[in-house]
Protein backbone atom coordinates (compact mmCIF):
# COMPACT_ATOMS: atom_id res chain seq x y z
CA MET A 1 -14.76 -22.54 -17.63
CA LYS A 2 -13.27 -21.78 -14.22
CA ARG A 3 -12.09 -18.21 -13.67
CA ARG A 4 -8.45 -17.77 -12.81
CA LYS A 5 -7.20 -15.49 -10.08
CA TRP A 6 -4.14 -13.45 -10.91
CA ASP A 7 -1.90 -12.07 -8.18
CA SER A 8 -0.58 -8.54 -8.41
CA ARG A 9 3.01 -9.63 -9.14
CA THR A 10 1.94 -11.71 -12.12
CA LYS A 11 -0.20 -8.88 -13.49
CA ALA A 12 2.72 -6.46 -13.13
CA MET A 13 5.08 -8.89 -14.86
CA VAL A 14 2.65 -9.28 -17.77
CA VAL A 15 2.26 -5.51 -18.15
CA ILE A 16 6.02 -4.91 -17.92
CA GLN A 17 6.58 -7.40 -20.73
CA GLY A 18 4.36 -5.25 -22.92
CA LEU A 19 6.05 -2.04 -21.86
CA LYS A 20 9.42 -3.56 -22.74
CA GLY A 21 8.27 -4.11 -26.30
CA LYS A 22 6.82 -7.60 -26.49
CA THR A 23 3.69 -7.60 -28.64
CA VAL A 24 0.36 -7.68 -26.90
CA ALA A 25 -0.73 -10.63 -29.04
CA GLU A 26 2.28 -12.69 -27.88
CA ILE A 27 1.73 -11.80 -24.24
CA CYS A 28 -1.95 -12.66 -24.39
CA ALA A 29 -1.33 -15.97 -26.12
CA GLU A 30 1.41 -16.89 -23.64
CA HIS A 31 -0.69 -16.11 -20.56
CA GLN A 32 -4.05 -17.04 -22.11
CA ILE A 33 -5.70 -13.69 -21.46
CA SER A 34 -7.66 -11.41 -23.74
CA GLN A 35 -6.19 -8.23 -25.13
CA GLY A 36 -8.89 -6.31 -23.30
CA GLN A 37 -7.72 -7.84 -20.04
CA TYR A 38 -4.12 -6.87 -20.81
CA TYR A 39 -5.09 -3.27 -21.54
CA LEU A 40 -7.16 -3.08 -18.36
CA TRP A 41 -4.16 -4.28 -16.30
CA ARG A 42 -1.87 -1.87 -18.15
CA ASP A 43 -4.14 1.07 -17.44
CA GLN A 44 -4.39 0.11 -13.75
CA PHE A 45 -0.61 -0.31 -13.58
CA LEU A 46 0.11 3.05 -15.16
CA SER A 47 -2.49 4.93 -13.10
CA ASN A 48 -0.86 3.65 -9.88
CA ALA A 49 2.76 3.98 -10.98
CA SER A 50 3.36 7.11 -8.91
CA LYS A 51 2.66 5.13 -5.72
CA ALA A 52 5.89 3.20 -6.27
CA PHE A 53 7.81 6.32 -5.26
CA GLU A 54 5.69 7.14 -2.21
CA GLY A 55 6.85 4.15 -0.17
CA GLN A 56 9.82 5.69 1.61
CA ASP A 57 8.05 8.97 2.34
CA GLN A 58 5.04 7.13 3.69
CA THR A 59 7.07 4.91 6.01
CA LYS A 60 8.99 7.90 7.38
CA LYS A 61 5.71 9.69 7.98
CA GLU A 62 4.24 6.61 9.68
CA ALA A 63 7.32 6.28 11.91
CA ARG A 64 7.10 9.94 12.92
CA LEU A 65 3.39 9.60 13.68
CA SER A 66 4.04 6.46 15.73
CA ARG A 67 6.65 8.25 17.83
CA GLU A 68 4.35 11.22 18.29
CA ASN A 69 1.49 8.90 19.27
CA ALA A 70 3.67 7.12 21.84
CA ASN A 71 4.77 10.45 23.32
CA LEU A 72 1.19 11.65 23.58
CA LYS A 73 0.07 8.41 25.25
CA GLU A 74 2.88 8.75 27.77
CA LEU A 75 1.88 12.35 28.46
CA VAL A 76 -1.78 11.36 28.94
CA GLY A 77 -0.68 8.63 31.34
CA GLU A 78 1.41 11.06 33.38
CA LEU A 79 -1.41 13.61 33.52
CA THR A 80 -3.87 10.91 34.57
CA MET A 81 -1.56 9.88 37.42
CA GLU A 82 -1.20 13.51 38.56
CA LEU A 83 -4.97 13.94 38.47
CA LYS A 84 -5.49 10.81 40.58
CA LYS A 85 -2.88 12.04 43.10
CA SER A 86 -4.56 15.44 43.38
CA ASP A 87 -7.99 13.78 43.80
CA GLU A 88 -6.59 11.59 46.59
CA ALA A 89 -5.01 14.60 48.28
CA LEU A 90 -8.31 16.48 48.23
CA SER A 91 -10.30 13.56 49.61
């Protein structure tokens, strides 16, 4: 039998059905998965649930770091130019 690949959205949808009250047996029969597979997905889903709320904080942090990185690169460029000018003046 060929193994199926499940994308993350489908796995989440299956788990959410169970969390909303649909029986595990019904879900497994509908999606042709074992109960063990459902419980594995559920455990993975619940262990990573807190990451759903980190998205905005992470993007703000990434934006701040990007701006800081750009500023530092600009500063390094300016200092490099000054160093080259002083080297030329001394030569």
